[in-house]
């Protein structure tokens, strides 16, 4: 069983930055693509970013492109999301997730097998 634990959320002013981390248990972290999703109050969960096994390929939703950076450290079993130029509309619970495949950068939730509990990010105006 894989466990994912996010951290790094908090309250920040618009224009500020936060760095989210997600630590994975087990020995399979480096074998699968990973992703970040978010869910704002009253809205469905949505794709934010995904990263390949090597970390060389990434995929972003248009709403965060140029502001957010996804990265991973396979030696530390850790996934990151650097969030810059934050906007109030970025307020949400952020989830990390592990896909069920070794290739691809899927945007659909169904492609992700394991999920963390989420970390709250609140951006004040």
Protein backbone atom coordinates (compact mmCIF):
# COMPACT_ATOMS: atom_id res chain seq x y z
CA UNK A 1 0.00 0.00 0.00
CA UNK A 2 1.33 3.41 -0.97
CA UNK A 3 0.85 6.37 1.34
CA UNK A 4 1.24 9.97 0.25
CA UNK A 5 1.55 12.84 2.69
CA UNK A 6 1.43 16.49 1.63
CA UNK A 7 2.82 19.44 3.56
CA UNK A 8 3.68 23.08 3.00
CA UNK A 9 0.23 24.60 2.67
CA UNK A 10 -0.79 27.75 4.49
CA UNK A 11 -2.04 31.30 4.25
CA UNK A 12 -0.25 33.69 1.89
CA UNK A 13 -0.99 37.06 0.36
CA UNK A 14 -1.66 37.45 -3.34
CA UNK A 15 1.61 37.60 -5.23
CA UNK A 16 3.36 35.43 -2.69
CA UNK A 17 4.86 31.95 -2.96
CA UNK A 18 4.51 28.56 -1.34
CA UNK A 19 6.25 25.24 -1.87
CA UNK A 20 4.26 22.07 -1.38
CA UNK A 21 5.90 18.73 -0.68
CA UNK A 22 4.54 15.21 -0.92
CA UNK A 23 6.42 12.30 0.61
CA UNK A 24 5.60 8.81 -0.61
CA UNK A 25 6.02 5.57 1.33
CA UNK A 26 7.36 2.40 -0.23
CA UNK A 27 9.85 1.70 -2.97
CA UNK A 28 7.80 2.38 -6.09
CA UNK A 29 7.84 6.18 -6.17
CA UNK A 30 10.46 6.37 -8.94
CA UNK A 31 8.53 3.98 -11.21
CA UNK A 32 5.41 6.08 -11.78
CA UNK A 33 4.33 9.46 -13.03
CA UNK A 34 3.03 11.80 -10.34
CA UNK A 35 0.61 14.66 -10.27
CA UNK A 36 -0.93 17.51 -8.30
CA UNK A 37 -4.63 18.29 -8.20
CA UNK A 38 -6.65 20.86 -6.30
CA UNK A 39 -10.21 21.34 -5.12
CA UNK A 40 -11.68 24.75 -4.34
CA UNK A 41 -14.76 25.12 -2.14
CA UNK A 42 -17.90 24.17 -4.03
CA UNK A 43 -15.97 22.99 -7.07
CA UNK A 44 -14.82 19.68 -8.45
CA UNK A 45 -11.24 18.55 -8.07
CA UNK A 46 -9.11 19.67 -11.01
CA UNK A 47 -5.75 18.83 -12.53
CA UNK A 48 -2.82 21.14 -11.78
CA UNK A 49 0.38 19.48 -12.99
CA UNK A 50 2.02 16.15 -13.74
CA UNK A 51 5.59 14.94 -14.02
CA UNK A 52 7.26 11.96 -15.65
CA UNK A 53 9.36 9.35 -13.91
CA UNK A 54 12.61 11.09 -14.81
CA UNK A 55 11.28 14.54 -14.10
CA UNK A 56 12.26 15.76 -17.55
CA UNK A 57 8.69 15.90 -18.88
CA UNK A 58 5.94 17.95 -17.27
CA UNK A 59 2.37 19.00 -18.02
CA UNK A 60 0.48 21.95 -16.57
CA UNK A 61 -3.04 23.27 -16.61
CA UNK A 62 -3.18 26.58 -18.45
CA UNK A 63 -4.31 28.37 -15.30
CA UNK A 64 -0.96 27.73 -13.55
CA UNK A 65 1.44 27.60 -16.48
CA UNK A 66 4.35 29.97 -15.94
CA UNK A 67 3.60 30.35 -12.22
CA UNK A 68 3.82 26.80 -10.83
CA UNK A 69 6.66 24.31 -11.18
CA UNK A 70 6.36 20.60 -10.47
CA UNK A 71 9.48 18.64 -9.64
CA UNK A 72 10.54 15.42 -7.94
CA UNK A 73 13.44 13.93 -6.04
CA UNK A 74 13.35 10.17 -6.53
CA UNK A 75 16.13 9.62 -4.00
CA UNK A 76 13.93 11.21 -1.34
CA UNK A 77 10.60 9.80 -2.56
CA UNK A 78 9.35 13.38 -2.67
CA UNK A 79 7.22 15.36 -5.08
CA UNK A 80 7.18 19.17 -5.04
CA UNK A 81 5.02 21.99 -6.30
CA UNK A 82 6.58 25.44 -6.28
CA UNK A 83 3.82 28.03 -6.51
CA UNK A 84 4.72 31.63 -7.35
CA UNK A 85 2.64 34.72 -8.10
CA UNK A 86 -0.26 33.19 -6.21
CA UNK A 87 -3.76 34.50 -6.83
CA UNK A 88 -6.89 34.30 -4.66
CA UNK A 89 -8.35 31.87 -7.20
CA UNK A 90 -5.54 29.44 -6.36
CA UNK A 91 -7.18 28.92 -2.95
CA UNK A 92 -7.94 25.20 -2.64
CA UNK A 93 -6.99 21.96 -1.00
CA UNK A 94 -4.03 20.57 -2.95
CA UNK A 95 -3.58 16.83 -3.41
CA UNK A 96 -0.66 14.82 -4.68
CA UNK A 97 -1.37 11.60 -6.52
CA UNK A 98 0.47 8.66 -8.05
CA UNK A 99 -0.56 7.28 -11.40
CA UNK A 100 -1.07 3.61 -12.17
CA UNK A 101 1.23 3.83 -15.16
CA UNK A 102 4.92 4.30 -15.83
CA UNK A 103 4.48 6.58 -18.82
CA UNK A 104 2.37 9.56 -19.75
CA UNK A 105 1.30 12.75 -18.01
CA UNK A 106 -2.42 12.19 -17.48
CA UNK A 107 -4.84 14.93 -16.51
CA UNK A 108 -7.77 12.66 -15.65
CA UNK A 109 -8.30 11.57 -12.06
CA UNK A 110 -9.07 8.01 -13.11
CA UNK A 111 -5.44 7.59 -14.18
CA UNK A 112 -4.26 8.14 -10.62
CA UNK A 113 -4.28 5.24 -8.20
CA UNK A 114 -3.14 6.69 -4.89
CA UNK A 115 -3.98 10.03 -3.28
CA UNK A 116 -2.80 12.04 -0.31
CA UNK A 117 -5.08 13.65 2.24
CA UNK A 118 -4.48 17.14 0.93
CA UNK A 119 -3.04 20.39 2.24
CA UNK A 120 -4.92 23.68 2.40
CA UNK A 121 -3.63 26.68 0.46
CA UNK A 122 -5.34 30.00 1.09
CA UNK A 123 -4.42 33.12 -0.86
CA UNK A 124 -5.72 36.41 0.49
CA UNK A 125 -6.31 39.44 -1.70
